[in-house]
């Protein structure tokens, strides 16, 4: 019966909530599956125990299906990472995580949010553009790519206040 109920809840909209260091074992493999250089469980745990780091997670039942993490200092924040499980992409989950996260950052006093994104990551660029981020700079040859020319990092900014 419990398995049946878990299955029902896992099919609906994922629940969004704050992440904690207990989520490190689930966040690390999702990050590794989403980026060329994934974070280890120890790196994730270190970030999640840092008092300047704010993180949210998306849970489908007991399965972590997405997360977003930022570091905030004074009135500025930097989004460190956003990842959504591949089977859950293109359904608005990253947008929902980003919206919740930006509201929380604003509530904590952040006035400006920055991030970097690979110039070839079109889904992420569309997400950030729709959320009001604008390119302010580029870092040429920032993201190494095996067998290809390194990609530039686009530095994006959004004012919250």
N, C-alpha and C. Protein backbone atom coordinates (compact mmCIF):
# COMPACT_ATOMS: atom_id res chain seq x y z
N UNK A 1 0.81 -1.20 0.00
CA UNK A 1 0.00 0.00 0.00
C UNK A 1 0.86 1.27 0.00
N UNK A 2 1.92 1.27 0.81
CA UNK A 2 2.80 2.44 0.86
C UNK A 2 3.46 2.68 -0.49
N UNK A 3 3.89 1.60 -1.16
CA UNK A 3 4.49 1.72 -2.48
C UNK A 3 3.51 2.31 -3.49
N UNK A 4 2.25 1.91 -3.41
CA UNK A 4 1.22 2.43 -4.30
C UNK A 4 1.05 3.94 -4.08
N UNK A 5 0.96 4.37 -2.83
CA UNK A 5 0.80 5.78 -2.52
C UNK A 5 2.01 6.59 -2.96
N UNK A 6 3.21 6.05 -2.73
CA UNK A 6 4.43 6.72 -3.17
C UNK A 6 4.41 6.95 -4.68
N UNK A 7 3.96 5.93 -5.41
CA UNK A 7 3.87 6.03 -6.87
C UNK A 7 2.90 7.10 -7.31
N UNK A 8 1.77 7.21 -6.61
CA UNK A 8 0.79 8.25 -6.94
C UNK A 8 1.37 9.64 -6.75
N UNK A 9 2.02 9.85 -5.62
CA UNK A 9 2.59 11.17 -5.34
C UNK A 9 3.78 11.48 -6.23
N UNK A 10 4.54 10.48 -6.64
CA UNK A 10 5.72 10.71 -7.49
C UNK A 10 5.32 11.17 -8.88
N UNK A 11 4.07 10.88 -9.32
CA UNK A 11 3.63 11.26 -10.65
C UNK A 11 3.18 12.72 -10.73
N UNK A 12 2.80 13.29 -9.61
CA UNK A 12 2.30 14.66 -9.60
C UNK A 12 3.43 15.67 -9.67
N UNK A 13 3.07 16.91 -9.40
CA UNK A 13 4.05 17.98 -9.38
C UNK A 13 5.04 17.75 -8.24
N UNK A 14 6.32 17.90 -8.51
CA UNK A 14 7.31 17.76 -7.44
C UNK A 14 7.09 18.83 -6.36
N UNK A 15 7.39 18.48 -5.14
CA UNK A 15 7.30 19.39 -4.01
C UNK A 15 8.62 20.16 -3.92
N UNK A 16 8.52 21.47 -3.78
CA UNK A 16 9.70 22.32 -3.65
C UNK A 16 9.87 22.71 -2.20
N UNK A 17 11.12 22.64 -1.72
CA UNK A 17 11.42 23.00 -0.34
C UNK A 17 12.90 23.35 -0.22
N UNK A 18 13.28 23.87 0.95
CA UNK A 18 14.69 24.17 1.18
C UNK A 18 15.49 22.87 1.25
N UNK A 19 16.69 22.91 0.75
CA UNK A 19 17.60 21.76 0.81
C UNK A 19 18.51 21.91 2.02
N UNK A 20 19.02 20.80 2.51
CA UNK A 20 19.95 20.81 3.63
C UNK A 20 21.09 19.85 3.34
N UNK A 21 22.04 19.79 4.25
CA UNK A 21 23.20 18.91 4.05
C UNK A 21 22.78 17.45 3.94
N UNK A 22 21.62 17.08 4.45
CA UNK A 22 21.13 15.70 4.31
C UNK A 22 20.84 15.35 2.84
N UNK A 23 20.70 16.37 2.00
CA UNK A 23 20.41 16.14 0.58
C UNK A 23 21.67 15.94 -0.26
N UNK A 24 22.84 16.12 0.33
CA UNK A 24 24.09 16.00 -0.43
C UNK A 24 24.22 14.67 -1.18
N UNK A 25 23.88 13.52 -0.57
CA UNK A 25 24.03 12.26 -1.32
C UNK A 25 23.15 12.17 -2.56
N UNK A 26 22.06 12.91 -2.61
CA UNK A 26 21.19 12.91 -3.79
C UNK A 26 21.58 14.00 -4.77
N UNK A 27 22.03 15.14 -4.26
CA UNK A 27 22.38 16.27 -5.14
C UNK A 27 23.65 15.97 -5.94
N UNK A 28 24.65 15.36 -5.31
CA UNK A 28 25.93 15.12 -6.00
C UNK A 28 25.77 14.31 -7.28
N UNK A 29 25.07 13.18 -7.29
CA UNK A 29 24.95 12.44 -8.55
C UNK A 29 24.11 13.17 -9.61
N UNK A 30 23.11 13.95 -9.17
CA UNK A 30 22.34 14.73 -10.13
C UNK A 30 23.21 15.81 -10.76
N UNK A 31 24.03 16.44 -9.94
CA UNK A 31 24.95 17.45 -10.48
C UNK A 31 25.94 16.80 -11.45
N UNK A 32 26.49 15.66 -11.08
CA UNK A 32 27.45 14.96 -11.94
C UNK A 32 26.82 14.54 -13.27
N UNK A 33 25.55 14.16 -13.25
CA UNK A 33 24.87 13.75 -14.48
C UNK A 33 24.51 14.95 -15.35
N UNK A 34 24.53 16.14 -14.77
CA UNK A 34 24.09 17.34 -15.49
C UNK A 34 25.21 18.21 -16.03
N UNK A 35 26.43 18.04 -15.50
CA UNK A 35 27.54 18.92 -15.87
C UNK A 35 28.79 18.11 -16.18
N UNK A 36 29.69 18.71 -16.99
CA UNK A 36 30.95 18.03 -17.35
C UNK A 36 31.78 17.71 -16.13
N UNK A 37 31.83 18.63 -15.18
CA UNK A 37 32.58 18.40 -13.96
C UNK A 37 31.61 18.44 -12.78
N UNK A 38 31.23 17.26 -12.32
CA UNK A 38 30.28 17.17 -11.23
C UNK A 38 30.94 17.41 -9.88
N UNK A 39 30.13 17.82 -8.93
CA UNK A 39 30.60 18.01 -7.56
C UNK A 39 30.53 16.70 -6.81
N UNK A 40 31.52 16.48 -5.95
CA UNK A 40 31.49 15.29 -5.09
C UNK A 40 30.48 15.51 -3.98
N UNK A 41 30.12 14.43 -3.32
CA UNK A 41 29.21 14.53 -2.18
C UNK A 41 29.79 15.43 -1.09
N UNK A 42 31.10 15.36 -0.89
CA UNK A 42 31.75 16.20 0.12
C UNK A 42 31.68 17.67 -0.26
N UNK A 43 31.88 17.97 -1.55
CA UNK A 43 31.77 19.36 -2.00
C UNK A 43 30.36 19.90 -1.80
N UNK A 44 29.36 19.09 -2.15
CA UNK A 44 27.97 19.51 -1.99
C UNK A 44 27.65 19.71 -0.51
N UNK A 45 28.07 18.77 0.32
CA UNK A 45 27.81 18.90 1.76
C UNK A 45 28.48 20.16 2.32
N UNK A 46 29.72 20.43 1.87
CA UNK A 46 30.41 21.63 2.31
C UNK A 46 29.66 22.90 1.93
N UNK A 47 29.11 22.92 0.71
CA UNK A 47 28.33 24.08 0.28
C UNK A 47 27.06 24.20 1.13
N UNK A 48 26.38 23.09 1.33
CA UNK A 48 25.10 23.13 2.05
C UNK A 48 25.24 23.45 3.54
N UNK A 49 26.44 23.31 4.07
CA UNK A 49 26.65 23.68 5.47
C UNK A 49 27.22 25.09 5.61
N UNK A 50 27.52 25.73 4.48
CA UNK A 50 28.02 27.10 4.47
C UNK A 50 26.85 28.03 4.73
N UNK A 51 26.98 28.91 5.71
CA UNK A 51 25.85 29.78 6.08
C UNK A 51 25.49 30.79 5.01
N UNK A 52 26.37 31.00 4.02
CA UNK A 52 26.06 31.94 2.94
C UNK A 52 25.36 31.26 1.76
N UNK A 53 25.19 29.94 1.82
CA UNK A 53 24.59 29.20 0.71
C UNK A 53 23.11 28.94 0.99
N UNK A 54 22.30 29.22 -0.01
CA UNK A 54 20.86 28.98 0.04
C UNK A 54 20.56 27.96 -1.05
N UNK A 55 19.78 26.94 -0.72
CA UNK A 55 19.49 25.89 -1.69
C UNK A 55 18.04 25.43 -1.57
N UNK A 56 17.47 25.08 -2.70
CA UNK A 56 16.12 24.51 -2.75
C UNK A 56 16.18 23.21 -3.54
N UNK A 57 15.24 22.35 -3.25
CA UNK A 57 15.18 21.06 -3.91
C UNK A 57 13.78 20.80 -4.42
N UNK A 58 13.68 19.92 -5.40
CA UNK A 58 12.40 19.45 -5.92
C UNK A 58 12.36 17.95 -5.67
N UNK A 59 11.32 17.51 -4.97
CA UNK A 59 11.19 16.09 -4.63
C UNK A 59 9.93 15.52 -5.27
N UNK A 60 10.07 14.38 -5.91
CA UNK A 60 8.94 13.60 -6.42
C UNK A 60 8.89 12.37 -5.53
N UNK A 61 8.01 12.39 -4.57
CA UNK A 61 8.02 11.34 -3.57
C UNK A 61 9.29 11.45 -2.76
N UNK A 62 10.06 10.39 -2.71
CA UNK A 62 11.33 10.41 -1.97
C UNK A 62 12.53 10.60 -2.90
N UNK A 63 12.28 10.94 -4.17
CA UNK A 63 13.35 11.09 -5.15
C UNK A 63 13.62 12.56 -5.44
N UNK A 64 14.87 12.95 -5.31
CA UNK A 64 15.28 14.30 -5.67
C UNK A 64 15.30 14.39 -7.19
N UNK A 65 14.55 15.35 -7.75
CA UNK A 65 14.49 15.48 -9.20
C UNK A 65 15.04 16.81 -9.69
N UNK A 66 15.42 17.70 -8.76
CA UNK A 66 16.00 18.97 -9.15
C UNK A 66 16.47 19.75 -7.95
N UNK A 67 17.36 20.71 -8.21
CA UNK A 67 17.83 21.59 -7.14
C UNK A 67 18.36 22.88 -7.74
N UNK A 68 18.48 23.88 -6.89
CA UNK A 68 19.10 25.15 -7.23
C UNK A 68 19.87 25.61 -5.99
N UNK A 69 21.04 26.19 -6.22
CA UNK A 69 21.91 26.59 -5.11
C UNK A 69 22.58 27.91 -5.41
N UNK A 70 22.60 28.80 -4.42
CA UNK A 70 23.24 30.12 -4.56
C UNK A 70 24.07 30.42 -3.33
N UNK A 71 24.95 31.37 -3.53
CA UNK A 71 25.71 31.94 -2.41
C UNK A 71 25.33 33.42 -2.35
N UNK A 72 24.99 33.89 -1.14
CA UNK A 72 24.63 35.29 -0.95
C UNK A 72 25.56 35.94 0.04
N UNK A 73 26.08 37.10 -0.35
CA UNK A 73 26.92 37.91 0.52
C UNK A 73 26.37 39.33 0.43
N UNK A 74 25.98 39.86 1.57
CA UNK A 74 25.36 41.20 1.64
C UNK A 74 24.14 41.22 0.72
N UNK A 75 24.11 42.16 -0.23
CA UNK A 75 22.92 42.28 -1.08
C UNK A 75 23.13 41.69 -2.48
N UNK A 76 24.17 40.86 -2.64
CA UNK A 76 24.42 40.20 -3.92
C UNK A 76 24.42 38.69 -3.75
N UNK A 77 23.90 38.01 -4.77
CA UNK A 77 23.89 36.55 -4.77
C UNK A 77 24.40 36.05 -6.11
N UNK A 78 24.97 34.85 -6.08
CA UNK A 78 25.40 34.19 -7.30
C UNK A 78 24.78 32.81 -7.33
N UNK A 79 24.07 32.50 -8.40
CA UNK A 79 23.54 31.15 -8.56
C UNK A 79 24.71 30.26 -8.94
N UNK A 80 24.93 29.25 -8.10
CA UNK A 80 26.06 28.34 -8.31
C UNK A 80 25.69 27.20 -9.25
N UNK A 81 24.47 26.72 -9.14
CA UNK A 81 24.08 25.58 -9.97
C UNK A 81 22.56 25.40 -9.95
N UNK A 82 22.04 24.95 -11.08
CA UNK A 82 20.65 24.53 -11.23
C UNK A 82 20.69 23.23 -12.01
N UNK A 83 20.00 22.22 -11.53
CA UNK A 83 19.96 20.96 -12.27
C UNK A 83 18.60 20.30 -12.08
N UNK A 84 18.12 19.68 -13.15
CA UNK A 84 16.87 18.93 -13.13
C UNK A 84 17.15 17.58 -13.78
N UNK A 85 16.64 16.53 -13.18
CA UNK A 85 16.78 15.17 -13.72
C UNK A 85 16.32 15.17 -15.18
N UNK A 86 17.07 14.51 -16.05
CA UNK A 86 16.79 14.56 -17.49
C UNK A 86 15.35 14.16 -17.82
N UNK A 87 14.79 13.19 -17.13
CA UNK A 87 13.42 12.74 -17.41
C UNK A 87 12.37 13.79 -17.01
N UNK A 88 12.76 14.79 -16.25
CA UNK A 88 11.83 15.82 -15.76
C UNK A 88 12.05 17.18 -16.44
N UNK A 89 12.95 17.24 -17.41
CA UNK A 89 13.24 18.52 -18.06
C UNK A 89 12.12 18.93 -19.02
N UNK A 90 12.11 20.21 -19.35
CA UNK A 90 11.15 20.78 -20.30
C UNK A 90 9.71 20.69 -19.80
N UNK A 91 9.52 20.72 -18.48
CA UNK A 91 8.18 20.69 -17.89
C UNK A 91 7.95 21.86 -16.94
N UNK A 92 8.88 22.82 -16.93
CA UNK A 92 8.71 23.98 -16.08
C UNK A 92 9.28 23.86 -14.67
N UNK A 93 9.91 22.74 -14.37
CA UNK A 93 10.44 22.55 -13.02
C UNK A 93 11.59 23.51 -12.73
N UNK A 94 12.50 23.69 -13.65
CA UNK A 94 13.61 24.64 -13.42
C UNK A 94 13.06 26.05 -13.24
N UNK A 95 12.06 26.42 -14.00
CA UNK A 95 11.44 27.74 -13.85
C UNK A 95 10.83 27.89 -12.46
N UNK A 96 10.13 26.86 -11.99
CA UNK A 96 9.52 26.92 -10.66
C UNK A 96 10.57 27.01 -9.57
N UNK A 97 11.65 26.24 -9.69
CA UNK A 97 12.74 26.31 -8.72
C UNK A 97 13.37 27.70 -8.72
N UNK A 98 13.62 28.22 -9.91
CA UNK A 98 14.25 29.54 -10.03
C UNK A 98 13.35 30.62 -9.42
N UNK A 99 12.07 30.58 -9.70
CA UNK A 99 11.13 31.57 -9.17
C UNK A 99 11.11 31.54 -7.65
N UNK A 100 10.98 30.35 -7.07
CA UNK A 100 10.99 30.21 -5.61
C UNK A 100 12.31 30.73 -5.05
N UNK A 101 13.39 30.36 -5.67
CA UNK A 101 14.72 30.71 -5.18
C UNK A 101 14.95 32.23 -5.23
N UNK A 102 14.56 32.86 -6.32
CA UNK A 102 14.73 34.31 -6.42
C UNK A 102 13.88 35.04 -5.38
N UNK A 103 12.69 34.53 -5.11
CA UNK A 103 11.86 35.13 -4.06
C UNK A 103 12.53 35.01 -2.70
N UNK A 104 13.10 33.86 -2.44
CA UNK A 104 13.79 33.65 -1.15
C UNK A 104 14.99 34.58 -1.04
N UNK A 105 15.78 34.68 -2.10
CA UNK A 105 16.94 35.57 -2.09
C UNK A 105 16.51 37.01 -1.84
N UNK A 106 15.44 37.44 -2.51
CA UNK A 106 14.94 38.80 -2.29
C UNK A 106 14.51 38.98 -0.84
N UNK A 107 13.86 37.97 -0.28
CA UNK A 107 13.44 38.02 1.11
C UNK A 107 14.60 38.10 2.09
N UNK A 108 15.73 37.57 1.67
CA UNK A 108 16.94 37.62 2.50
C UNK A 108 17.76 38.88 2.25
N UNK A 109 17.26 39.77 1.40
CA UNK A 109 17.92 41.04 1.18
C UNK A 109 18.77 41.16 -0.07
N UNK A 110 18.78 40.13 -0.90
CA UNK A 110 19.55 40.22 -2.15
C UNK A 110 18.88 41.22 -3.08
N UNK A 111 19.69 42.08 -3.66
CA UNK A 111 19.17 43.07 -4.61
C UNK A 111 19.60 42.74 -6.05
N UNK A 112 20.69 41.98 -6.18
CA UNK A 112 21.23 41.63 -7.49
C UNK A 112 21.66 40.16 -7.47
N UNK A 113 21.37 39.45 -8.56
CA UNK A 113 21.75 38.04 -8.68
C UNK A 113 22.57 37.89 -9.97
N UNK A 114 23.67 37.16 -9.86
CA UNK A 114 24.55 36.88 -10.98
C UNK A 114 24.60 35.38 -11.22
N UNK A 115 25.03 34.98 -12.41
CA UNK A 115 25.30 33.58 -12.71
C UNK A 115 26.14 33.51 -13.96
N UNK A 116 26.72 32.34 -14.19
CA UNK A 116 27.47 32.07 -15.42
C UNK A 116 26.84 30.86 -16.08
N UNK A 117 26.76 30.89 -17.41
CA UNK A 117 26.18 29.79 -18.16
C UNK A 117 26.98 29.58 -19.44
N UNK A 118 27.13 28.34 -19.82
CA UNK A 118 27.81 27.97 -21.06
C UNK A 118 27.05 28.58 -22.24
N UNK A 119 27.78 29.25 -23.13
CA UNK A 119 27.15 29.91 -24.27
C UNK A 119 26.35 28.97 -25.17
N UNK A 120 26.60 27.66 -25.08
CA UNK A 120 25.90 26.68 -25.91
C UNK A 120 24.71 26.04 -25.19
N UNK A 121 24.48 26.38 -23.94
CA UNK A 121 23.40 25.77 -23.17
C UNK A 121 22.11 26.57 -23.42
N UNK A 122 21.51 26.34 -24.58
CA UNK A 122 20.34 27.11 -24.98
C UNK A 122 19.13 26.96 -24.04
N UNK A 123 18.82 25.77 -23.53
CA UNK A 123 17.69 25.69 -22.59
C UNK A 123 17.90 26.57 -21.35
N UNK A 124 19.11 26.59 -20.82
CA UNK A 124 19.38 27.41 -19.63
C UNK A 124 19.33 28.90 -20.00
N UNK A 125 19.87 29.26 -21.14
CA UNK A 125 19.85 30.66 -21.57
C UNK A 125 18.41 31.14 -21.74
N UNK A 126 17.54 30.30 -22.32
CA UNK A 126 16.12 30.67 -22.46
C UNK A 126 15.47 30.84 -21.09
N UNK A 127 15.76 29.92 -20.17
CA UNK A 127 15.21 30.00 -18.81
C UNK A 127 15.59 31.32 -18.16
N UNK A 128 16.87 31.66 -18.21
CA UNK A 128 17.34 32.88 -17.56
C UNK A 128 16.84 34.13 -18.27
N UNK A 129 16.76 34.09 -19.58
CA UNK A 129 16.24 35.24 -20.32
C UNK A 129 14.79 35.51 -19.93
N UNK A 130 13.98 34.46 -19.87
CA UNK A 130 12.57 34.61 -19.50
C UNK A 130 12.42 35.08 -18.05
N UNK A 131 13.42 34.79 -17.22
CA UNK A 131 13.37 35.20 -15.81
C UNK A 131 13.93 36.61 -15.61
N UNK A 132 14.33 37.26 -16.70
CA UNK A 132 14.77 38.65 -16.60
C UNK A 132 16.27 38.86 -16.46
N UNK A 133 17.06 37.81 -16.63
CA UNK A 133 18.52 37.96 -16.58
C UNK A 133 19.01 38.53 -17.90
N UNK A 134 20.07 39.35 -17.83
CA UNK A 134 20.66 39.95 -19.01
C UNK A 134 22.17 39.74 -19.00
N UNK A 135 22.73 39.51 -20.17
CA UNK A 135 24.18 39.31 -20.29
C UNK A 135 24.90 40.62 -20.00
N UNK A 136 25.91 40.53 -19.13
CA UNK A 136 26.71 41.71 -18.82
C UNK A 136 28.18 41.52 -19.19
N UNK A 137 28.58 40.27 -19.45
CA UNK A 137 29.98 40.01 -19.78
C UNK A 137 30.10 38.60 -20.35
N UNK A 138 31.30 38.32 -20.89
CA UNK A 138 31.64 36.98 -21.39
C UNK A 138 33.03 36.62 -20.90
N UNK A 139 33.20 35.36 -20.60
CA UNK A 139 34.53 34.84 -20.26
C UNK A 139 34.91 33.87 -21.38
N UNK A 140 35.75 34.29 -22.30
CA UNK A 140 36.11 33.42 -23.43
C UNK A 140 36.84 32.16 -22.95
N UNK A 141 36.61 31.08 -23.69
CA UNK A 141 37.32 29.81 -23.45
C UNK A 141 37.23 29.34 -22.00
N UNK A 142 36.10 29.52 -21.38
CA UNK A 142 35.93 29.22 -19.96
C UNK A 142 35.61 27.75 -19.70
N UNK A 143 34.69 27.19 -20.50
CA UNK A 143 34.27 25.80 -20.30
C UNK A 143 35.02 24.90 -21.27
N UNK A 144 35.87 24.03 -20.73
CA UNK A 144 36.61 23.09 -21.57
C UNK A 144 35.65 22.07 -22.15
N UNK A 145 35.93 21.67 -23.38
CA UNK A 145 35.09 20.69 -24.06
C UNK A 145 36.00 19.72 -24.80
N UNK A 146 36.03 18.45 -24.42
CA UNK A 146 36.92 17.49 -25.08
C UNK A 146 36.70 17.45 -26.59
N UNK A 147 37.76 17.65 -27.32
CA UNK A 147 37.71 17.58 -28.77
C UNK A 147 37.07 18.77 -29.45
N UNK A 148 36.77 19.81 -28.70
CA UNK A 148 36.17 21.00 -29.30
C UNK A 148 36.76 22.25 -28.66
N UNK A 149 36.54 23.37 -29.32
CA UNK A 149 37.01 24.64 -28.79
C UNK A 149 36.27 24.93 -27.48
N UNK A 150 36.98 25.41 -26.46
CA UNK A 150 36.30 25.74 -25.20
C UNK A 150 35.22 26.79 -25.42
N UNK A 151 34.13 26.65 -24.67
CA UNK A 151 33.00 27.57 -24.80
C UNK A 151 33.15 28.75 -23.86
N UNK A 152 32.58 29.85 -24.25
CA UNK A 152 32.57 31.03 -23.38
C UNK A 152 31.53 30.87 -22.29
N UNK A 153 31.79 31.49 -21.16
CA UNK A 153 30.79 31.59 -20.09
C UNK A 153 30.12 32.94 -20.26
N UNK A 154 28.81 32.93 -20.32
CA UNK A 154 28.06 34.18 -20.33
C UNK A 154 27.80 34.57 -18.88
N UNK A 155 28.16 35.78 -18.52
CA UNK A 155 27.88 36.28 -17.17
C UNK A 155 26.57 37.05 -17.25
N UNK A 156 25.60 36.60 -16.49
CA UNK A 156 24.26 37.19 -16.51
C UNK A 156 23.95 37.86 -15.17
N UNK A 157 23.05 38.84 -15.23
CA UNK A 157 22.67 39.60 -14.04
C UNK A 157 21.17 39.86 -14.07
N UNK A 158 20.60 39.85 -12.86
CA UNK A 158 19.21 40.28 -12.70
C UNK A 158 19.11 41.08 -11.41
N UNK A 159 18.48 42.23 -11.51
CA UNK A 159 18.22 43.03 -10.31
C UNK A 159 16.89 42.59 -9.73
N UNK A 160 16.86 42.42 -8.41
CA UNK A 160 15.64 42.00 -7.73
C UNK A 160 14.88 43.18 -7.15
N UNK A 161 15.59 44.27 -6.89
CA UNK A 161 14.94 45.43 -6.27
C UNK A 161 14.88 46.59 -7.22
